[in-house]
Amino acid sequence: MSPVEILFALQRIPPFESVTDGELEIAAKVLVVRKFAPGALVLGSGEPFRRLLIKLDGSWLVDKAELPGVLGVESLLSGVEGPGEIVAGPTGARCLMMTRGHFFTFINECPSLLLSLLTRVDKIRSERDFI
């Protein structure tokens, strides 16, 4: 995907839809596309996230339960481990990945995104026992 295609994809993904195009352009330059085959390991049990994962299509699962579209926020901010072994769903998963360093730079430049991400983490946590 080109940076322009990534920008357009991000415009449709909560909470990135509230970020300005200029800020999304910054993110689009550092995001990398990653594809996971069906059942492929996304994150091992007991491991912290080392990258922010933003789902484009497909799904990722922990104990056969589907996870939200953006993974790794809490782990990147605090170092906590993920919710367990995460695998790609039956059709696989395609996502955008942002390294921890780029994530911190981006939320420093765009604090409104951090607020939106934390609000979503809180909402998901209240609906489920994990993120």
N, C-alpha and C. Protein backbone atom coordinates (compact mmCIF):
# COMPACT_ATOMS: atom_id res chain seq x y z
N MET A 1 0.85 -1.19 0.00
CA MET A 1 0.00 0.00 0.00
C MET A 1 0.89 1.24 0.00
N SER A 2 0.46 2.21 -0.75
CA SER A 2 1.18 3.48 -0.77
C SER A 2 0.76 4.32 0.45
N PRO A 3 1.54 5.33 0.80
CA PRO A 3 1.12 6.21 1.90
C PRO A 3 -0.26 6.83 1.69
N VAL A 4 -0.61 7.13 0.45
CA VAL A 4 -1.93 7.70 0.17
C VAL A 4 -3.02 6.67 0.45
N GLU A 5 -2.81 5.43 0.04
CA GLU A 5 -3.78 4.37 0.32
C GLU A 5 -3.91 4.13 1.82
N ILE A 6 -2.80 4.19 2.53
CA ILE A 6 -2.83 4.02 3.99
C ILE A 6 -3.62 5.16 4.61
N LEU A 7 -3.38 6.40 4.15
CA LEU A 7 -4.12 7.56 4.67
C LEU A 7 -5.62 7.35 4.50
N PHE A 8 -6.05 6.95 3.31
CA PHE A 8 -7.49 6.74 3.07
C PHE A 8 -8.04 5.61 3.94
N ALA A 9 -7.26 4.57 4.14
CA ALA A 9 -7.70 3.46 5.01
C ALA A 9 -7.86 3.95 6.44
N LEU A 10 -6.90 4.72 6.94
CA LEU A 10 -6.97 5.22 8.31
C LEU A 10 -8.19 6.12 8.54
N GLN A 11 -8.59 6.86 7.52
CA GLN A 11 -9.74 7.76 7.65
C GLN A 11 -11.02 7.01 7.98
N ARG A 12 -11.05 5.71 7.76
CA ARG A 12 -12.25 4.90 8.02
C ARG A 12 -12.14 4.07 9.29
N ILE A 13 -11.03 4.18 10.01
CA ILE A 13 -10.80 3.34 11.18
C ILE A 13 -10.86 4.17 12.45
N PRO A 14 -11.83 3.85 13.34
CA PRO A 14 -11.86 4.56 14.62
C PRO A 14 -10.62 4.21 15.43
N PRO A 15 -10.00 5.08 16.10
CA PRO A 15 -10.28 6.50 16.32
C PRO A 15 -9.54 7.42 15.36
N PHE A 16 -8.93 6.86 14.32
CA PHE A 16 -8.14 7.68 13.40
C PHE A 16 -8.99 8.59 12.53
N GLU A 17 -10.29 8.33 12.43
CA GLU A 17 -11.14 9.16 11.61
C GLU A 17 -11.24 10.59 12.15
N SER A 18 -10.88 10.79 13.42
CA SER A 18 -10.95 12.13 14.01
C SER A 18 -9.63 12.90 13.90
N VAL A 19 -8.62 12.28 13.32
CA VAL A 19 -7.30 12.90 13.18
C VAL A 19 -7.25 13.67 11.87
N THR A 20 -6.56 14.80 11.86
CA THR A 20 -6.48 15.61 10.64
C THR A 20 -5.69 14.88 9.55
N ASP A 21 -5.94 15.27 8.31
CA ASP A 21 -5.23 14.65 7.19
C ASP A 21 -3.72 14.85 7.32
N GLY A 22 -3.31 16.02 7.79
CA GLY A 22 -1.88 16.28 7.97
C GLY A 22 -1.25 15.32 8.96
N GLU A 23 -1.96 15.05 10.05
CA GLU A 23 -1.46 14.11 11.05
C GLU A 23 -1.46 12.68 10.52
N LEU A 24 -2.49 12.35 9.73
CA LEU A 24 -2.54 11.01 9.14
C LEU A 24 -1.42 10.81 8.13
N GLU A 25 -1.05 11.87 7.43
CA GLU A 25 0.07 11.77 6.48
C GLU A 25 1.35 11.38 7.19
N ILE A 26 1.55 11.94 8.39
CA ILE A 26 2.74 11.60 9.18
C ILE A 26 2.71 10.11 9.53
N ALA A 27 1.55 9.64 9.99
CA ALA A 27 1.42 8.22 10.36
C ALA A 27 1.59 7.32 9.15
N ALA A 28 1.00 7.71 8.02
CA ALA A 28 1.03 6.87 6.83
C ALA A 28 2.45 6.60 6.35
N LYS A 29 3.36 7.52 6.62
CA LYS A 29 4.75 7.34 6.17
C LYS A 29 5.51 6.31 6.98
N VAL A 30 5.04 6.02 8.19
CA VAL A 30 5.78 5.08 9.05
C VAL A 30 5.05 3.75 9.26
N LEU A 31 3.81 3.66 8.82
CA LEU A 31 3.06 2.41 8.97
C LEU A 31 3.48 1.40 7.92
N VAL A 32 3.53 0.15 8.32
CA VAL A 32 3.92 -0.95 7.44
C VAL A 32 2.77 -1.94 7.38
N VAL A 33 2.47 -2.44 6.18
CA VAL A 33 1.41 -3.44 6.02
C VAL A 33 1.97 -4.81 6.36
N ARG A 34 1.18 -5.58 7.09
CA ARG A 34 1.57 -6.96 7.45
C ARG A 34 0.37 -7.86 7.24
N LYS A 35 0.59 -9.00 6.61
CA LYS A 35 -0.46 -10.00 6.41
C LYS A 35 -0.17 -11.21 7.27
N PHE A 36 -1.22 -11.73 7.90
CA PHE A 36 -1.12 -12.95 8.70
C PHE A 36 -2.00 -14.00 8.05
N ALA A 37 -1.46 -15.18 7.80
CA ALA A 37 -2.23 -16.29 7.25
C ALA A 37 -3.22 -16.78 8.30
N PRO A 38 -4.29 -17.47 7.87
CA PRO A 38 -5.25 -18.00 8.85
C PRO A 38 -4.55 -18.82 9.92
N GLY A 39 -4.85 -18.52 11.18
CA GLY A 39 -4.27 -19.25 12.30
C GLY A 39 -2.85 -18.85 12.68
N ALA A 40 -2.25 -17.93 11.93
CA ALA A 40 -0.87 -17.52 12.22
C ALA A 40 -0.78 -16.79 13.56
N LEU A 41 0.33 -16.97 14.23
CA LEU A 41 0.56 -16.33 15.52
C LEU A 41 0.80 -14.83 15.31
N VAL A 42 0.00 -14.02 16.00
CA VAL A 42 0.15 -12.56 15.97
C VAL A 42 0.96 -12.10 17.17
N LEU A 43 0.65 -12.67 18.35
CA LEU A 43 1.38 -12.34 19.58
C LEU A 43 1.35 -13.56 20.49
N GLY A 44 2.50 -13.94 20.99
CA GLY A 44 2.59 -15.09 21.88
C GLY A 44 2.03 -14.78 23.26
N SER A 45 1.59 -15.80 23.94
CA SER A 45 1.06 -15.67 25.30
C SER A 45 2.14 -15.11 26.22
N GLY A 46 1.77 -14.14 27.04
CA GLY A 46 2.70 -13.55 27.99
C GLY A 46 3.62 -12.50 27.42
N GLU A 47 3.50 -12.20 26.14
CA GLU A 47 4.36 -11.20 25.51
C GLU A 47 3.70 -9.83 25.49
N PRO A 48 4.48 -8.77 25.64
CA PRO A 48 3.93 -7.42 25.45
C PRO A 48 3.95 -7.08 23.96
N PHE A 49 3.09 -6.18 23.55
CA PHE A 49 3.12 -5.70 22.17
C PHE A 49 4.36 -4.84 21.98
N ARG A 50 5.00 -4.98 20.83
CA ARG A 50 6.15 -4.13 20.49
C ARG A 50 5.78 -3.16 19.37
N ARG A 51 4.58 -3.34 18.85
CA ARG A 51 4.07 -2.48 17.77
C ARG A 51 2.58 -2.27 17.96
N LEU A 52 2.10 -1.15 17.47
CA LEU A 52 0.66 -0.91 17.41
C LEU A 52 0.15 -1.64 16.17
N LEU A 53 -0.94 -2.37 16.31
CA LEU A 53 -1.54 -3.10 15.19
C LEU A 53 -2.91 -2.50 14.89
N ILE A 54 -3.14 -2.16 13.63
CA ILE A 54 -4.39 -1.56 13.19
C ILE A 54 -4.97 -2.45 12.10
N LYS A 55 -6.07 -3.12 12.41
CA LYS A 55 -6.64 -4.11 11.47
C LYS A 55 -7.27 -3.42 10.27
N LEU A 56 -6.92 -3.91 9.08
CA LEU A 56 -7.54 -3.45 7.84
C LEU A 56 -8.66 -4.39 7.44
N ASP A 57 -8.39 -5.69 7.49
CA ASP A 57 -9.43 -6.68 7.21
C ASP A 57 -9.05 -8.01 7.84
N GLY A 58 -10.00 -8.92 7.86
CA GLY A 58 -9.80 -10.19 8.54
C GLY A 58 -10.11 -10.05 10.02
N SER A 59 -9.50 -10.91 10.82
CA SER A 59 -9.75 -10.86 12.27
C SER A 59 -8.56 -11.45 13.01
N TRP A 60 -8.50 -11.13 14.30
CA TRP A 60 -7.55 -11.78 15.19
C TRP A 60 -8.29 -12.21 16.43
N LEU A 61 -7.86 -13.34 16.96
CA LEU A 61 -8.61 -14.00 18.03
C LEU A 61 -7.71 -14.34 19.21
N VAL A 62 -8.33 -14.35 20.39
CA VAL A 62 -7.69 -14.91 21.57
C VAL A 62 -8.74 -15.83 22.19
N ASP A 63 -8.39 -17.09 22.38
CA ASP A 63 -9.35 -18.09 22.89
C ASP A 63 -10.65 -18.09 22.08
N LYS A 64 -10.53 -17.98 20.76
CA LYS A 64 -11.65 -18.01 19.82
C LYS A 64 -12.56 -16.79 19.90
N ALA A 65 -12.23 -15.80 20.72
CA ALA A 65 -13.01 -14.55 20.81
C ALA A 65 -12.32 -13.50 19.95
N GLU A 66 -13.12 -12.78 19.15
CA GLU A 66 -12.55 -11.76 18.28
C GLU A 66 -12.12 -10.53 19.08
N LEU A 67 -10.99 -9.99 18.69
CA LEU A 67 -10.43 -8.81 19.35
C LEU A 67 -10.77 -7.54 18.56
N PRO A 68 -10.66 -6.38 19.20
CA PRO A 68 -10.95 -5.13 18.51
C PRO A 68 -9.94 -4.83 17.41
N GLY A 69 -10.23 -3.81 16.63
CA GLY A 69 -9.43 -3.49 15.45
C GLY A 69 -8.07 -2.85 15.71
N VAL A 70 -7.89 -2.24 16.87
CA VAL A 70 -6.60 -1.62 17.20
C VAL A 70 -6.06 -2.32 18.44
N LEU A 71 -4.87 -2.89 18.31
CA LEU A 71 -4.27 -3.64 19.42
C LEU A 71 -2.93 -3.04 19.82
N GLY A 72 -2.63 -3.11 21.10
CA GLY A 72 -1.31 -2.78 21.59
C GLY A 72 -1.19 -1.47 22.33
N VAL A 73 -2.25 -0.66 22.38
CA VAL A 73 -2.16 0.66 23.01
C VAL A 73 -1.71 0.55 24.46
N GLU A 74 -2.44 -0.21 25.25
CA GLU A 74 -2.14 -0.32 26.68
C GLU A 74 -0.75 -0.93 26.91
N SER A 75 -0.42 -1.93 26.14
CA SER A 75 0.87 -2.60 26.28
C SER A 75 2.02 -1.66 25.92
N LEU A 76 1.87 -0.90 24.85
CA LEU A 76 2.93 0.03 24.46
C LEU A 76 3.12 1.13 25.50
N LEU A 77 2.02 1.58 26.10
CA LEU A 77 2.11 2.66 27.08
C LEU A 77 2.64 2.19 28.43
N SER A 78 2.30 0.97 28.82
CA SER A 78 2.64 0.54 30.18
C SER A 78 3.52 -0.71 30.26
N GLY A 79 3.71 -1.40 29.15
CA GLY A 79 4.53 -2.59 29.16
C GLY A 79 3.82 -3.86 29.59
N VAL A 80 2.50 -3.78 29.84
CA VAL A 80 1.77 -4.98 30.24
C VAL A 80 1.73 -5.97 29.09
N GLU A 81 1.62 -7.23 29.42
CA GLU A 81 1.56 -8.26 28.38
C GLU A 81 0.20 -8.25 27.70
N GLY A 82 0.15 -8.86 26.52
CA GLY A 82 -1.10 -8.98 25.78
C GLY A 82 -2.07 -9.89 26.50
N PRO A 83 -3.28 -10.03 25.94
CA PRO A 83 -4.33 -10.79 26.61
C PRO A 83 -4.18 -12.30 26.55
N GLY A 84 -3.15 -12.79 25.91
CA GLY A 84 -2.95 -14.23 25.71
C GLY A 84 -2.44 -14.45 24.31
N GLU A 85 -2.42 -15.70 23.88
CA GLU A 85 -1.97 -15.98 22.52
C GLU A 85 -2.98 -15.45 21.52
N ILE A 86 -2.53 -14.58 20.64
CA ILE A 86 -3.40 -13.99 19.62
C ILE A 86 -3.03 -14.61 18.28
N VAL A 87 -4.05 -15.08 17.58
CA VAL A 87 -3.85 -15.68 16.26
C VAL A 87 -4.76 -15.00 15.25
N ALA A 88 -4.37 -15.08 13.98
CA ALA A 88 -5.22 -14.57 12.91
C ALA A 88 -6.45 -15.46 12.79
N GLY A 89 -7.56 -14.85 12.43
CA GLY A 89 -8.82 -15.57 12.31
C GLY A 89 -8.86 -16.49 11.09
N PRO A 90 -10.03 -17.07 10.81
CA PRO A 90 -10.15 -18.07 9.75
C PRO A 90 -9.83 -17.56 8.35
N THR A 91 -9.95 -16.25 8.12
CA THR A 91 -9.60 -15.69 6.81
C THR A 91 -8.26 -14.96 6.85
N GLY A 92 -7.55 -15.09 7.96
CA GLY A 92 -6.30 -14.37 8.13
C GLY A 92 -6.56 -12.95 8.60
N ALA A 93 -5.55 -12.12 8.54
CA ALA A 93 -5.69 -10.72 8.93
C ALA A 93 -4.65 -9.90 8.18
N ARG A 94 -5.06 -8.70 7.83
CA ARG A 94 -4.14 -7.75 7.22
C ARG A 94 -4.20 -6.50 8.07
N CYS A 95 -3.04 -5.99 8.44
CA CYS A 95 -3.03 -4.84 9.35
C CYS A 95 -1.92 -3.88 8.99
N LEU A 96 -1.99 -2.73 9.63
CA LEU A 96 -0.92 -1.75 9.59
C LEU A 96 -0.19 -1.84 10.91
N MET A 97 1.13 -1.74 10.87
CA MET A 97 1.92 -1.81 12.09
C MET A 97 2.73 -0.53 12.25
N MET A 98 2.79 -0.05 13.51
CA MET A 98 3.60 1.12 13.84
C MET A 98 4.52 0.73 15.00
N THR A 99 5.81 0.98 14.85
CA THR A 99 6.75 0.64 15.92
C THR A 99 6.46 1.48 17.17
N ARG A 100 6.96 1.01 18.27
CA ARG A 100 6.75 1.70 19.55
C ARG A 100 7.30 3.13 19.50
N GLY A 101 8.48 3.30 18.94
CA GLY A 101 9.08 4.63 18.83
C GLY A 101 8.23 5.58 18.01
N HIS A 102 7.76 5.11 16.86
CA HIS A 102 6.89 5.94 16.03
C HIS A 102 5.56 6.22 16.73
N PHE A 103 5.05 5.23 17.48
CA PHE A 103 3.80 5.42 18.23
C PHE A 103 3.96 6.57 19.22
N PHE A 104 5.04 6.57 19.99
CA PHE A 104 5.25 7.64 20.97
C PHE A 104 5.43 9.00 20.30
N THR A 105 6.14 9.03 19.19
CA THR A 105 6.28 10.29 18.46
C THR A 105 4.93 10.77 17.98
N PHE A 106 4.14 9.86 17.44
CA PHE A 106 2.84 10.23 16.88
C PHE A 106 1.89 10.74 17.95
N ILE A 107 1.80 10.06 19.09
CA ILE A 107 0.87 10.54 20.13
C ILE A 107 1.38 11.83 20.77
N ASN A 108 2.69 12.05 20.74
CA ASN A 108 3.22 13.33 21.22
C ASN A 108 2.81 14.46 20.29
N GLU A 109 2.83 14.20 18.99
CA GLU A 109 2.45 15.19 17.99
C GLU A 109 0.93 15.34 17.88
N CYS A 110 0.21 14.32 18.30
CA CYS A 110 -1.25 14.30 18.15
C CYS A 110 -1.90 13.80 19.44
N PRO A 111 -1.89 14.61 20.50
CA PRO A 111 -2.44 14.16 21.78
C PRO A 111 -3.93 13.82 21.73
N SER A 112 -4.67 14.41 20.79
CA SER A 112 -6.09 14.07 20.69
C SER A 112 -6.27 12.60 20.30
N LEU A 113 -5.33 12.06 19.52
CA LEU A 113 -5.41 10.64 19.18
C LEU A 113 -5.19 9.78 20.41
N LEU A 114 -4.25 10.16 21.26
CA LEU A 114 -4.02 9.41 22.49
C LEU A 114 -5.28 9.37 23.33
N LEU A 115 -5.95 10.51 23.47
CA LEU A 115 -7.19 10.56 24.24
C LEU A 115 -8.24 9.63 23.63
N SER A 116 -8.38 9.65 22.31
CA SER A 116 -9.34 8.77 21.63
C SER A 116 -8.98 7.30 21.83
N LEU A 117 -7.70 6.98 21.72
CA LEU A 117 -7.26 5.59 21.91
C LEU A 117 -7.54 5.12 23.33
N LEU A 118 -7.23 5.95 24.32
CA LEU A 118 -7.46 5.56 25.72
C LEU A 118 -8.95 5.43 26.02
N THR A 119 -9.77 6.27 25.42
CA THR A 119 -11.22 6.17 25.60
C THR A 119 -11.71 4.84 25.05
N ARG A 120 -11.18 4.44 23.88
CA ARG A 120 -11.58 3.16 23.29
C ARG A 120 -11.10 1.99 24.14
N VAL A 121 -9.89 2.08 24.69
CA VAL A 121 -9.39 1.02 25.57
C VAL A 121 -10.32 0.86 26.76
N ASP A 122 -10.71 1.98 27.36
CA ASP A 122 -11.62 1.95 28.50
C ASP A 122 -12.96 1.32 28.14
N LYS A 123 -13.50 1.70 26.97
CA LYS A 123 -14.79 1.17 26.52
C LYS A 123 -14.70 -0.33 26.28
N ILE A 124 -13.65 -0.76 25.61
CA ILE A 124 -13.48 -2.19 25.32
C ILE A 124 -13.28 -2.96 26.61
N ARG A 125 -12.49 -2.41 27.52
CA ARG A 125 -12.25 -3.08 28.79
C ARG A 125 -13.56 -3.27 29.56
N SER A 126 -14.47 -2.30 29.49
CA SER A 126 -15.73 -2.44 30.21
C SER A 126 -16.65 -3.46 29.54
N GLU A 127 -16.45 -3.69 28.24
CA GLU A 127 -17.27 -4.66 27.51
C GLU A 127 -16.68 -6.07 27.57
N ARG A 128 -15.37 -6.16 27.76
CA ARG A 128 -14.68 -7.45 27.77
C ARG A 128 -13.70 -7.47 28.92
N ASP A 129 -13.15 -8.62 29.17
CA ASP A 129 -12.16 -8.75 30.24
C ASP A 129 -10.73 -8.58 29.75
N PHE A 130 -10.55 -8.25 28.49
CA PHE A 130 -9.20 -8.16 27.95
C PHE A 130 -9.15 -7.17 26.81
N ILE A 131 -7.93 -6.82 26.44
CA ILE A 131 -7.68 -6.00 25.24
C ILE A 131 -6.51 -6.61 24.51
